[in-house]
Amino acid sequence: MVKQREFQNLIGGKVQPASGGGYFDSINPSTGEVWARFPASDQSDAVAAVAAAKGALSAWASLNPNVRSSYLQKVAEVFLEYGDELGEIETLDNGNLFAITRHANGAGTAGGWIRAAHDTVAAATGRTVMLGPGVQAFTQREPYGVVAAIVPFNMPIGMFGSKAASALAGGNTVVVKPPEQASAGILRVGELLADVLPPGVLNIVAGFGDVGDAFVRHPDVAKVTMTGSSATAKLIQRAGADTLTPSIFELGGKSPNIVFADADLDAAAHGATIPSVFGFNAGQACVAGSRILIQRPVLEDMLKKIQAKAETVLVGDPFDSATKMGPLVSQEQYDRVIGFLEVGSQEAELVFGGRHGGDVVPELPGGYWVEPTLFLANDNALRICQEEIFGPVGVVLPFDTEEEAIAIANDTRYGLAAGVWTQDSARMHRCINQIQSGNVWVNTYMQIGHEIPFGGFKESGYGHDATLEFTREKAVVIAVEGQLAGQREA
C-alpha cells in the first residue's frame, strides 16, 4: 500500500473526489499514523449520488432477474480476485487481523454476493390465490427504489456486501456511506466495481454524519439499512419521519453468555473468550458476549479457565500470523474503552487485564492497544454491565438458579445475541424460549450464516439484511367481467 493514498467516491459510475475537493485522514490504528485520505464529501455529493441511483433505477429494476444475477456473479468474482488486497486495506484501516480480513473480504464476501445472485428470482416471485369463482388474486414483489446503506467500522466490506448485494438482488439501486473511521476498503471496492455494474446502480460517498443525514432525509431514498448504535438509529428514525422511510436496523448488544454448572467448561471458556469478547476484532462486535453469567458452583473454576484462555490471546501487529487480537479502530474508541476500564475498577473487581497503549505492545506505542480485561461484578445494574463498551472488556456475573440467569440475561435494553452452555436438553429449550434475543447459540458462539436471519429484539434493532427485506409485496385482484357485473347487480 502507498502511504497516504487518496481514495475517491463512486457516483454515477465515475470515480471522483468530493465536490469541494477536500480530504480527511485515515489513521492506521496499529501505529497511530496517517496512511490514507478519504474524500471530505458533503450533502451536495450525497444528493448527486441519490440522483444517479434514481436515474439508474428503472433500467436496473426492469432487468430480467437472471440478468441481474449475472451482474452479481461478476461482483463475486471481483471479491475472489482481490480478496487479499481488500483484506490488507481493511487491516490497515481498522486493525482487524489480516488472517480474518483476507478471507472475509475474499471468499466470505463473495459467498454473500453469490447467495444474493441466487435470490434474484425469489425476490421477483409472488403468490397466487383464488378468492372465489372467477376471482383470481396474485401478488408481485417489487423493489423499493433507492436504498441507502450506512455501514459500521468493524467489518466494513462484509457489512457493505450484506446490504448492497441483497438490495441489488431485489432490483433496487444503492447509495452507501462508509464509516468515517474506515472507508478505504469500500472506496476501493467502488473503484473495482465501476466498470462491472451499470453506472448509477451503486454509489459510494465518504464523509461524516451530514452525508448520512442527507441520504436519510432525501425524499427519493425509499429505504434505509444501517448497522451501528441505537442512538444513531433513533436519529435516523427522527430524520426519516417526514417521509416515513422504512428502515432495517442492526444495532448494539450487551449479550449474555450463560454457563451452567453441567456445561463442558473448557468449551464454554473458549466460547466466552476467543470468538466472543476478546479474540474477535478486539471485542468490537455487536454480538460480543460481554456479560459472562456463571453458575456459582463452577465460578472459581471458570474464572481460571477463562483467564488461561485469555492469556493465549497475543495482542500485536495484525499482519503477524501469531497475533490473535489487534488494536481498537480509533483514538475515539480507545478513549471510550479506557474510560470504561476506569469505571470498572471503581464498580467491580478486576480479575485480570487492564493494561493499554504502549504497555501492551511496546514496539508499537502509538497504536490503540487494550489487552483482554475481565471484571467480576455482583450487580447487573452497573454501567459496565449495561452499556456497550465495544472493546475487549468482559464482566462476569455469578448466578444460582436458572430463573435468576434468565432474569439477568434479559435485564438489558438490548437483545441481539445470547449464548447458553449446558448439557441439559430441557434447559436448553427453556432458555431458548425465554431469552429475549434475536440470536441464541447453544454450546457454541458467534455462528452466523447467510442462510438464516440475523436481527435483534428491543434496542438491538429489527429486520435483517436479506433479499426479501428489500422488496415489497403488491396485491392484485382480477375478476372476469361477468363475475364483476354480478357483484354490481347484487
Protein backbone atom coordinates (compact mmCIF):
# COMPACT_ATOMS: atom_id res chain seq x y z
CA MET A 1 0.00 0.00 0.00
CA VAL A 2 1.21 3.54 -0.82
CA LYS A 3 1.33 5.67 2.32
CA GLN A 4 -1.32 8.41 2.40
CA ARG A 5 -3.05 7.09 -0.67
CA GLU A 6 -6.07 9.12 -1.74
CA PHE A 7 -9.29 7.16 -2.24
CA GLN A 8 -12.27 8.53 -4.17
CA ASN A 9 -16.07 8.37 -4.24
CA LEU A 10 -18.11 6.45 -6.80
CA ILE A 11 -21.04 8.44 -8.20
CA GLY A 12 -22.89 7.63 -11.40
CA GLY A 13 -20.24 5.13 -12.47
CA LYS A 14 -17.41 7.67 -12.12
CA VAL A 15 -14.61 7.51 -9.56
CA GLN A 16 -14.27 11.09 -8.39
CA PRO A 17 -13.23 13.34 -5.47
CA ALA A 18 -15.63 15.22 -3.22
CA SER A 19 -17.22 18.23 -4.90
CA GLY A 20 -15.38 20.56 -2.53
CA GLY A 21 -12.04 18.89 -3.22
CA GLY A 22 -11.26 18.28 0.45
CA TYR A 23 -9.99 15.15 2.20
CA PHE A 24 -9.75 13.81 5.72
CA ASP A 25 -7.19 11.43 7.18
CA SER A 26 -7.39 7.72 7.90
CA ILE A 27 -5.26 6.60 10.85
CA ASN A 28 -3.59 3.19 10.95
CA PRO A 29 -4.73 2.03 14.41
CA SER A 30 -1.61 -0.11 14.88
CA THR A 31 0.70 2.91 14.63
CA GLY A 32 -1.43 6.00 15.17
CA GLU A 33 -0.10 7.37 11.86
CA VAL A 34 -1.91 8.64 8.78
CA TRP A 35 -1.85 6.09 6.00
CA ALA A 36 -4.63 7.24 3.62
CA ARG A 37 -7.05 10.06 2.85
CA PHE A 38 -10.77 9.98 2.09
CA PRO A 39 -12.98 12.49 0.25
CA ALA A 40 -14.49 15.00 2.68
CA SER A 41 -17.87 14.84 0.96
CA ASP A 42 -20.85 16.97 1.92
CA GLN A 43 -24.58 16.96 1.32
CA SER A 44 -24.18 18.02 -2.31
CA ASP A 45 -22.23 14.82 -3.02
CA ALA A 46 -24.93 12.78 -1.26
CA VAL A 47 -27.64 14.46 -3.33
CA ALA A 48 -25.69 13.74 -6.54
CA ALA A 49 -25.37 10.08 -5.56
CA VAL A 50 -29.11 9.75 -4.92
CA ALA A 51 -29.84 11.40 -8.29
CA ALA A 52 -27.53 8.93 -10.02
CA ALA A 53 -29.18 6.00 -8.24
CA LYS A 54 -32.65 7.26 -9.13
CA GLY A 55 -31.61 7.71 -12.74
CA ALA A 56 -30.38 4.11 -12.95
CA LEU A 57 -33.35 2.60 -11.09
CA SER A 58 -35.82 1.99 -13.90
CA ALA A 59 -33.39 0.12 -16.14
CA TRP A 60 -31.95 -1.96 -13.27
CA ALA A 61 -35.35 -2.84 -11.77
CA SER A 62 -36.75 -3.89 -15.16
CA LEU A 63 -33.92 -6.31 -15.95
CA ASN A 64 -34.74 -9.97 -16.14
CA PRO A 65 -33.80 -11.40 -12.72
CA ASN A 66 -31.35 -13.78 -14.35
CA VAL A 67 -29.53 -10.81 -15.92
CA ARG A 68 -29.28 -9.10 -12.53
CA SER A 69 -28.00 -12.39 -11.18
CA SER A 70 -25.21 -12.46 -13.76
CA TYR A 71 -24.09 -8.98 -12.69
CA LEU A 72 -23.93 -10.07 -9.05
CA GLN A 73 -21.96 -13.16 -10.03
CA LYS A 74 -19.40 -10.86 -11.68
CA VAL A 75 -19.18 -8.83 -8.47
CA ALA A 76 -18.49 -12.05 -6.55
CA GLU A 77 -15.63 -12.81 -8.94
CA VAL A 78 -14.07 -9.41 -8.13
CA PHE A 79 -14.02 -10.24 -4.42
CA LEU A 80 -12.45 -13.62 -5.12
CA GLU A 81 -9.73 -12.00 -7.23
CA TYR A 82 -8.97 -9.04 -4.94
CA GLY A 83 -9.62 -10.59 -1.53
CA ASP A 84 -6.02 -10.31 -0.33
CA GLU A 85 -5.71 -6.67 -1.38
CA LEU A 86 -9.04 -5.76 0.22
CA GLY A 87 -8.03 -7.62 3.37
CA GLU A 88 -4.77 -5.67 3.55
CA ILE A 89 -6.58 -2.36 3.08
CA GLU A 90 -9.13 -3.15 5.77
CA THR A 91 -6.49 -4.25 8.25
CA LEU A 92 -4.54 -1.03 7.70
CA ASP A 93 -7.77 0.89 8.11
CA ASN A 94 -9.48 -0.69 11.14
CA GLY A 95 -6.89 -3.00 12.73
CA ASN A 96 -8.73 -6.30 12.36
CA LEU A 97 -6.45 -9.31 11.84
CA PHE A 98 -5.29 -9.85 8.26
CA ALA A 99 -5.90 -13.58 8.76
CA ILE A 100 -9.58 -12.67 9.15
CA THR A 101 -9.95 -9.83 6.66
CA ARG A 102 -8.29 -11.58 3.72
CA HIS A 103 -10.82 -14.44 3.95
CA ALA A 104 -13.81 -12.31 4.94
CA ASN A 105 -13.27 -9.91 2.05
CA GLY A 106 -12.42 -12.65 -0.42
CA ALA A 107 -14.30 -15.94 -0.34
CA GLY A 108 -16.52 -14.85 2.56
CA THR A 109 -17.89 -11.72 0.91
CA ALA A 110 -18.03 -13.41 -2.50
CA GLY A 111 -20.27 -16.08 -0.97
CA GLY A 112 -22.76 -13.44 0.10
CA TRP A 113 -22.92 -11.98 -3.40
CA ILE A 114 -23.36 -15.45 -4.91
CA ARG A 115 -26.24 -16.11 -2.49
CA ALA A 116 -27.80 -12.78 -3.48
CA ALA A 117 -27.39 -13.71 -7.15
CA HIS A 118 -29.36 -16.90 -6.49
CA ASP A 119 -32.04 -14.88 -4.69
CA THR A 120 -32.82 -12.55 -7.59
CA VAL A 121 -35.54 -14.89 -8.89
CA ALA A 122 -37.03 -15.42 -5.42
CA ALA A 123 -37.14 -11.66 -4.97
CA ALA A 124 -39.34 -11.37 -8.05
CA THR A 125 -41.63 -14.30 -7.20
CA GLY A 126 -45.12 -13.66 -5.80
CA ARG A 127 -48.07 -15.84 -4.79
CA THR A 128 -51.32 -16.83 -6.50
CA VAL A 129 -54.63 -17.25 -4.61
CA MET A 130 -58.19 -17.98 -5.79
CA LEU A 131 -60.57 -15.73 -3.82
CA GLY A 132 -63.68 -17.30 -5.32
CA PRO A 133 -65.26 -18.46 -8.59
CA GLY A 134 -63.90 -16.27 -11.33
CA VAL A 135 -61.81 -14.17 -8.98
CA GLN A 136 -58.08 -14.65 -9.02
CA ALA A 137 -55.62 -12.82 -6.81
CA PHE A 138 -51.87 -12.73 -7.03
CA THR A 139 -49.02 -10.80 -5.53
CA GLN A 140 -45.91 -9.46 -7.15
CA ARG A 141 -42.73 -8.35 -5.44
CA GLU A 142 -41.26 -5.02 -6.44
CA PRO A 143 -38.12 -3.14 -5.39
CA TYR A 144 -38.44 -0.21 -3.01
CA GLY A 145 -36.29 2.06 -5.16
CA VAL A 146 -33.14 3.81 -3.95
CA VAL A 147 -31.74 2.14 -0.82
CA ALA A 148 -29.32 3.97 1.48
CA ALA A 149 -26.80 1.75 3.30
CA ILE A 150 -24.91 3.09 6.32
CA VAL A 151 -22.02 0.81 7.24
CA PRO A 152 -20.08 0.34 10.53
CA PHE A 153 -16.31 0.34 11.05
CA ASN A 154 -15.80 -3.14 12.49
CA MET A 155 -16.33 -5.16 9.28
CA PRO A 156 -16.86 -2.52 6.57
CA ILE A 157 -16.56 -4.57 3.38
CA GLY A 158 -18.51 -7.52 4.72
CA MET A 159 -21.30 -5.34 6.06
CA PHE A 160 -21.36 -3.36 2.82
CA GLY A 161 -21.70 -6.62 0.93
CA SER A 162 -24.56 -7.96 3.03
CA LYS A 163 -26.54 -4.78 2.47
CA ALA A 164 -25.71 -3.86 -1.11
CA ALA A 165 -25.92 -7.40 -2.51
CA SER A 166 -29.38 -8.05 -1.10
CA ALA A 167 -30.69 -4.65 -2.14
CA LEU A 168 -29.36 -5.01 -5.69
CA ALA A 169 -30.74 -8.53 -5.98
CA GLY A 170 -34.18 -7.14 -5.22
CA GLY A 171 -33.93 -4.66 -8.10
CA ASN A 172 -33.06 -1.59 -6.03
CA THR A 173 -30.21 0.81 -6.66
CA VAL A 174 -27.92 1.73 -3.76
CA VAL A 175 -26.14 4.67 -2.17
CA VAL A 176 -23.57 3.84 0.51
CA LYS A 177 -21.99 5.85 3.31
CA PRO A 178 -18.84 4.06 4.54
CA PRO A 179 -17.70 4.57 8.15
CA GLU A 180 -15.55 7.66 8.55
CA GLN A 181 -13.10 5.67 10.70
CA ALA A 182 -12.50 3.06 7.97
CA SER A 183 -13.72 3.97 4.48
CA ALA A 184 -10.80 2.73 2.41
CA GLY A 185 -11.98 -0.81 1.71
CA ILE A 186 -15.42 0.19 0.50
CA LEU A 187 -13.99 3.02 -1.60
CA ARG A 188 -11.57 0.57 -3.19
CA VAL A 189 -14.50 -1.75 -3.91
CA GLY A 190 -16.13 1.19 -5.68
CA GLU A 191 -13.08 1.56 -7.91
CA LEU A 192 -13.16 -2.14 -8.73
CA LEU A 193 -16.89 -2.23 -9.49
CA ALA A 194 -17.08 0.99 -11.51
CA ASP A 195 -16.94 -0.98 -14.78
CA VAL A 196 -18.73 -4.10 -13.51
CA LEU A 197 -22.14 -2.67 -12.66
CA PRO A 198 -24.14 -0.24 -14.83
CA PRO A 199 -23.49 3.43 -13.96
CA GLY A 200 -25.52 4.69 -11.02
CA VAL A 201 -26.60 1.27 -9.76
CA LEU A 202 -24.05 1.50 -6.92
CA ASN A 203 -22.82 4.81 -5.49
CA ILE A 204 -20.40 5.35 -2.59
CA VAL A 205 -19.88 8.65 -0.78
CA ALA A 206 -17.36 9.01 2.06
CA GLY A 207 -17.78 11.65 4.71
CA PHE A 208 -19.26 12.35 8.12
CA GLY A 209 -22.72 12.46 9.63
CA ASP A 210 -24.04 15.12 7.27
CA VAL A 211 -23.68 12.68 4.36
CA GLY A 212 -25.72 10.01 6.11
CA ASP A 213 -28.26 12.61 7.22
CA ALA A 214 -28.67 13.80 3.63
CA PHE A 215 -29.32 10.23 2.49
CA VAL A 216 -31.89 9.58 5.21
CA ARG A 217 -33.80 12.84 4.66
CA HIS A 218 -33.81 12.66 0.86
CA PRO A 219 -37.34 12.10 -0.48
CA ASP A 220 -36.03 9.81 -3.23
CA VAL A 221 -34.50 7.36 -0.75
CA ALA A 222 -37.09 4.61 -0.28
CA LYS A 223 -35.43 2.51 2.43
CA VAL A 224 -32.51 2.76 4.84
CA THR A 225 -30.38 -0.07 6.18
CA MET A 226 -27.95 0.76 8.97
CA THR A 227 -25.65 -1.17 11.28
CA GLY A 228 -24.48 0.86 14.25
CA SER A 229 -25.60 2.20 17.60
CA SER A 230 -29.15 2.52 18.88
CA ALA A 231 -28.50 6.25 19.38
CA THR A 232 -27.76 6.63 15.65
CA ALA A 233 -30.83 4.56 14.76
CA LYS A 234 -33.04 6.91 16.77
CA LEU A 235 -31.58 9.90 14.93
CA ILE A 236 -32.27 8.17 11.61
CA GLN A 237 -35.87 7.46 12.58
CA ARG A 238 -36.42 11.08 13.52
CA ALA A 239 -34.77 12.30 10.33
CA GLY A 240 -36.87 9.96 8.18
CA ALA A 241 -40.15 10.67 9.94
CA ASP A 242 -41.34 13.27 7.42
CA THR A 243 -41.00 10.82 4.55
CA LEU A 244 -41.97 7.70 6.58
CA THR A 245 -38.89 5.98 5.19
CA PRO A 246 -38.78 2.34 6.37
CA SER A 247 -35.54 1.10 7.90
CA ILE A 248 -33.58 -2.02 8.76
CA PHE A 249 -31.51 -1.61 11.92
CA GLU A 250 -28.85 -3.99 13.24
CA LEU A 251 -27.72 -2.29 16.40
CA GLY A 252 -25.73 -2.83 19.57
CA GLY A 253 -25.78 -5.52 22.21
CA LYS A 254 -24.79 -6.46 25.72
CA SER A 255 -25.04 -10.14 25.05
CA PRO A 256 -25.12 -12.73 27.85
CA ASN A 257 -23.06 -15.91 27.70
CA ILE A 258 -24.70 -18.20 30.28
CA VAL A 259 -22.58 -21.04 31.68
CA PHE A 260 -24.42 -23.65 33.75
CA ALA A 261 -22.62 -25.97 36.15
CA ASP A 262 -23.23 -29.01 33.94
CA ALA A 263 -21.63 -27.41 30.86
CA ASP A 264 -18.46 -28.51 29.15
CA LEU A 265 -16.39 -25.88 30.96
CA ASP A 266 -13.41 -25.99 28.60
CA ALA A 267 -15.68 -25.41 25.60
CA ALA A 268 -17.54 -22.67 27.46
CA ALA A 269 -14.30 -20.93 28.45
CA HIS A 270 -13.21 -20.92 24.82
CA GLY A 271 -16.61 -19.73 23.57
CA ALA A 272 -16.73 -16.93 26.12
CA THR A 273 -13.34 -15.54 25.08
CA ILE A 274 -11.77 -16.34 21.70
CA PRO A 275 -14.75 -15.99 19.31
CA SER A 276 -16.57 -13.60 21.59
CA VAL A 277 -15.40 -10.64 23.66
CA PHE A 278 -11.59 -10.90 23.37
CA GLY A 279 -10.18 -12.51 20.24
CA PHE A 280 -12.56 -11.37 17.51
CA ASN A 281 -11.79 -7.82 16.35
CA ALA A 282 -10.70 -6.75 19.85
CA GLY A 283 -14.24 -7.12 21.12
CA GLN A 284 -15.55 -4.63 18.56
CA ALA A 285 -18.50 -6.79 17.57
CA CYS A 286 -22.19 -6.14 18.12
CA VAL A 287 -22.71 -9.75 19.24
CA ALA A 288 -19.76 -9.85 21.65
CA GLY A 289 -20.73 -11.91 24.69
CA SER A 290 -19.53 -9.25 27.08
CA ARG A 291 -21.63 -10.42 30.04
CA ILE A 292 -20.49 -13.88 31.16
CA LEU A 293 -23.04 -15.40 33.55
CA ILE A 294 -21.56 -18.29 35.55
CA GLN A 295 -23.37 -20.61 37.97
CA ARG A 296 -21.74 -20.33 41.40
CA PRO A 297 -20.64 -23.97 41.88
CA VAL A 298 -18.24 -23.59 38.93
CA LEU A 299 -17.42 -19.89 39.29
CA GLU A 300 -13.83 -20.22 40.52
CA ASP A 301 -13.03 -22.99 38.06
CA MET A 302 -14.45 -20.99 35.14
CA LEU A 303 -12.56 -17.83 36.11
CA LYS A 304 -9.30 -19.77 35.99
CA LYS A 305 -10.16 -21.34 32.63
CA ILE A 306 -11.21 -18.00 31.12
CA GLN A 307 -8.01 -16.35 32.29
CA ALA A 308 -5.95 -19.21 30.87
CA LYS A 309 -7.70 -18.77 27.51
CA ALA A 310 -7.25 -15.00 27.60
CA GLU A 311 -3.52 -15.41 28.22
CA THR A 312 -3.24 -17.18 24.86
CA VAL A 313 -4.59 -14.09 23.06
CA LEU A 314 -1.42 -12.42 21.77
CA VAL A 315 -2.05 -8.71 21.16
CA GLY A 316 0.04 -7.06 18.45
CA ASP A 317 0.63 -6.38 14.76
CA PRO A 318 -2.50 -7.61 12.93
CA PHE A 319 -0.35 -8.68 9.94
CA ASP A 320 1.63 -11.10 12.13
CA SER A 321 0.20 -14.61 11.83
CA ALA A 322 0.91 -15.23 15.53
CA THR A 323 -1.28 -12.30 16.62
CA LYS A 324 -4.73 -13.15 17.96
CA MET A 325 -6.02 -9.64 18.66
CA GLY A 326 -5.28 -6.30 17.02
CA PRO A 327 -5.87 -2.70 18.09
CA LEU A 328 -9.06 -0.73 18.55
CA VAL A 329 -10.13 1.19 15.49
CA SER A 330 -9.52 4.81 16.53
CA GLN A 331 -8.40 7.23 19.21
CA GLU A 332 -12.05 7.95 19.98
CA GLN A 333 -12.85 4.27 20.55
CA TYR A 334 -9.63 3.81 22.53
CA ASP A 335 -10.56 6.68 24.84
CA ARG A 336 -14.04 5.26 25.31
CA VAL A 337 -12.75 1.83 26.31
CA ILE A 338 -10.12 3.31 28.67
CA GLY A 339 -12.92 5.25 30.30
CA PHE A 340 -14.79 2.02 30.95
CA LEU A 341 -11.66 0.43 32.41
CA GLU A 342 -11.61 3.26 34.93
CA VAL A 343 -15.34 2.88 35.64
CA GLY A 344 -14.98 -0.88 36.01
CA SER A 345 -12.14 -0.50 38.50
CA GLN A 346 -14.46 1.59 40.67
CA GLU A 347 -17.58 -0.55 40.28
CA ALA A 348 -16.26 -4.11 40.32
CA GLU A 349 -13.30 -6.40 40.97
CA LEU A 350 -10.60 -6.58 38.31
CA VAL A 351 -9.91 -10.27 37.63
CA PHE A 352 -7.20 -9.73 35.01
CA GLY A 353 -6.04 -7.28 32.35
CA GLY A 354 -6.50 -3.54 32.34
CA ARG A 355 -3.25 -2.52 30.59
CA HIS A 356 -3.38 -0.39 27.47
CA GLY A 357 -1.29 1.54 24.94
CA GLY A 358 2.47 1.03 24.87
CA ASP A 359 2.29 -1.14 27.99
CA VAL A 360 0.64 -3.83 25.85
CA VAL A 361 2.66 -3.58 22.61
CA PRO A 362 5.89 -1.65 23.39
CA GLU A 363 7.22 -1.95 19.84
CA LEU A 364 4.13 -0.08 18.52
CA PRO A 365 3.50 2.52 21.24
CA GLY A 366 1.32 4.72 19.02
CA GLY A 367 -1.29 2.01 18.48
CA TYR A 368 -4.68 1.81 20.15
CA TRP A 369 -3.97 -1.31 22.21
CA VAL A 370 -6.08 -2.69 25.07
CA GLU A 371 -5.36 -6.13 26.49
CA PRO A 372 -8.14 -8.64 27.30
CA THR A 373 -9.74 -7.49 30.53
CA LEU A 374 -12.25 -9.14 32.85
CA PHE A 375 -14.22 -7.78 35.80
CA LEU A 376 -16.25 -9.65 38.42
CA ALA A 377 -19.46 -7.92 39.48
CA ASN A 378 -22.45 -8.74 41.66
CA ASP A 379 -24.92 -6.19 40.32
CA ASN A 380 -26.20 -6.22 36.75
CA ALA A 381 -27.24 -2.58 37.10
CA LEU A 382 -23.61 -1.38 36.98
CA ARG A 383 -22.54 0.66 33.94
CA ILE A 384 -20.06 -1.99 32.80
CA CYS A 385 -22.97 -4.48 32.80
CA GLN A 386 -25.45 -2.26 30.97
CA GLU A 387 -23.51 -0.16 28.46
CA GLU A 388 -21.96 -1.49 25.27
CA ILE A 389 -18.20 -1.00 25.63
CA PHE A 390 -17.21 -2.28 22.17
CA GLY A 391 -13.78 -3.42 23.25
CA PRO A 392 -12.03 -6.45 24.81
CA VAL A 393 -13.68 -5.94 28.20
CA GLY A 394 -15.93 -8.58 29.75
CA VAL A 395 -17.74 -8.80 33.06
CA VAL A 396 -18.62 -11.96 34.98
CA LEU A 397 -21.94 -12.11 36.85
CA PRO A 398 -22.48 -15.11 39.17
CA PHE A 399 -25.95 -16.71 39.49
CA ASP A 400 -27.54 -19.53 41.46
CA THR A 401 -30.64 -20.70 39.58
CA GLU A 402 -31.82 -20.99 36.00
CA GLU A 403 -34.58 -18.46 36.71
CA GLU A 404 -32.02 -15.98 38.04
CA ALA A 405 -29.82 -16.46 34.96
CA ILE A 406 -32.73 -15.75 32.61
CA ALA A 407 -33.69 -12.66 34.60
CA ILE A 408 -30.13 -11.29 34.46
CA ALA A 409 -29.80 -12.13 30.76
CA ASN A 410 -32.98 -10.20 29.92
CA ASP A 411 -32.19 -7.28 32.22
CA THR A 412 -30.79 -5.06 29.45
CA ARG A 413 -32.21 -2.72 26.83
CA TYR A 414 -30.52 -4.84 24.18
CA GLY A 415 -31.47 -8.20 22.69
CA LEU A 416 -29.15 -9.13 19.84
CA ALA A 417 -27.45 -12.36 20.86
CA ALA A 418 -27.02 -14.85 23.70
CA GLY A 419 -25.05 -17.99 24.44
CA VAL A 420 -26.20 -20.95 26.56
CA TRP A 421 -23.79 -23.62 27.77
CA THR A 422 -25.41 -26.74 29.24
CA GLN A 423 -25.77 -30.48 28.62
CA ASP A 424 -29.41 -30.48 29.78
CA SER A 425 -31.58 -30.54 26.65
CA ALA A 426 -34.73 -29.46 28.50
CA ARG A 427 -32.87 -26.49 29.96
CA MET A 428 -31.57 -25.60 26.50
CA HIS A 429 -35.11 -25.22 25.19
CA ARG A 430 -36.38 -23.37 28.23
CA CYS A 431 -33.58 -20.85 27.81
CA ILE A 432 -34.14 -20.54 24.07
CA ASN A 433 -37.82 -19.80 24.67
CA GLN A 434 -37.30 -17.29 27.48
CA ILE A 435 -34.22 -15.30 26.41
CA GLN A 436 -35.23 -12.06 24.70
CA SER A 437 -32.76 -12.11 21.85
CA GLY A 438 -32.78 -12.33 18.08
CA ASN A 439 -29.98 -14.93 18.06
CA VAL A 440 -29.37 -17.71 20.60
CA TRP A 441 -26.38 -20.04 20.35
CA VAL A 442 -26.26 -23.24 22.39
CA ASN A 443 -22.86 -24.78 23.23
CA THR A 444 -21.26 -22.55 20.59
CA TYR A 445 -20.93 -18.84 19.92
CA MET A 446 -20.95 -16.41 17.01
CA GLN A 447 -22.05 -18.90 14.36
CA ILE A 448 -23.64 -16.75 11.65
CA GLY A 449 -24.80 -17.91 8.22
CA HIS A 450 -26.25 -16.21 5.16
CA GLU A 451 -28.98 -18.84 5.13
CA ILE A 452 -30.66 -17.77 8.39
CA PRO A 453 -31.99 -14.42 9.68
CA PHE A 454 -29.80 -12.11 11.72
CA GLY A 455 -31.68 -9.47 13.68
CA GLY A 456 -32.35 -8.19 17.15
CA PHE A 457 -35.00 -7.55 19.77
CA LYS A 458 -35.56 -4.38 21.81
CA GLU A 459 -32.87 -1.71 21.16
CA SER A 460 -30.80 -4.14 19.13
CA GLY A 461 -32.89 -3.34 16.09
CA TYR A 462 -35.32 -5.03 13.75
CA GLY A 463 -35.39 -6.58 10.32
CA HIS A 464 -32.40 -8.21 8.74
CA ASP A 465 -30.44 -7.73 5.55
CA ALA A 466 -31.95 -10.41 3.35
CA THR A 467 -33.26 -10.07 -0.17
CA LEU A 468 -36.96 -10.18 0.68
CA GLU A 469 -36.47 -7.28 3.10
CA PHE A 470 -35.64 -5.14 0.08
CA THR A 471 -38.80 -5.88 -1.89
CA ARG A 472 -42.41 -5.04 -1.09
CA GLU A 473 -45.43 -7.11 -1.99
CA LYS A 474 -48.28 -5.73 -4.07
CA ALA A 475 -51.69 -7.43 -4.05
CA VAL A 476 -53.62 -7.70 -7.35
CA VAL A 477 -57.22 -8.98 -7.69
CA ILE A 478 -58.70 -9.78 -11.12
CA ALA A 479 -62.34 -10.70 -11.78
CA VAL A 480 -63.84 -11.74 -15.11
CA GLU A 481 -66.34 -9.22 -16.45
CA GLY A 482 -69.40 -11.41 -15.84
CA GLN A 483 -68.44 -12.00 -12.25
CA LEU A 484 -67.86 -8.30 -11.72
CA ALA A 485 -71.22 -7.43 -13.28
CA GLY A 486 -72.94 -9.92 -10.99
CA GLN A 487 -71.34 -8.29 -7.97
CA ARG A 488 -72.56 -4.87 -9.10
CA GLU A 489 -76.13 -6.10 -9.55
CA ALA A 490 -76.07 -7.68 -6.13
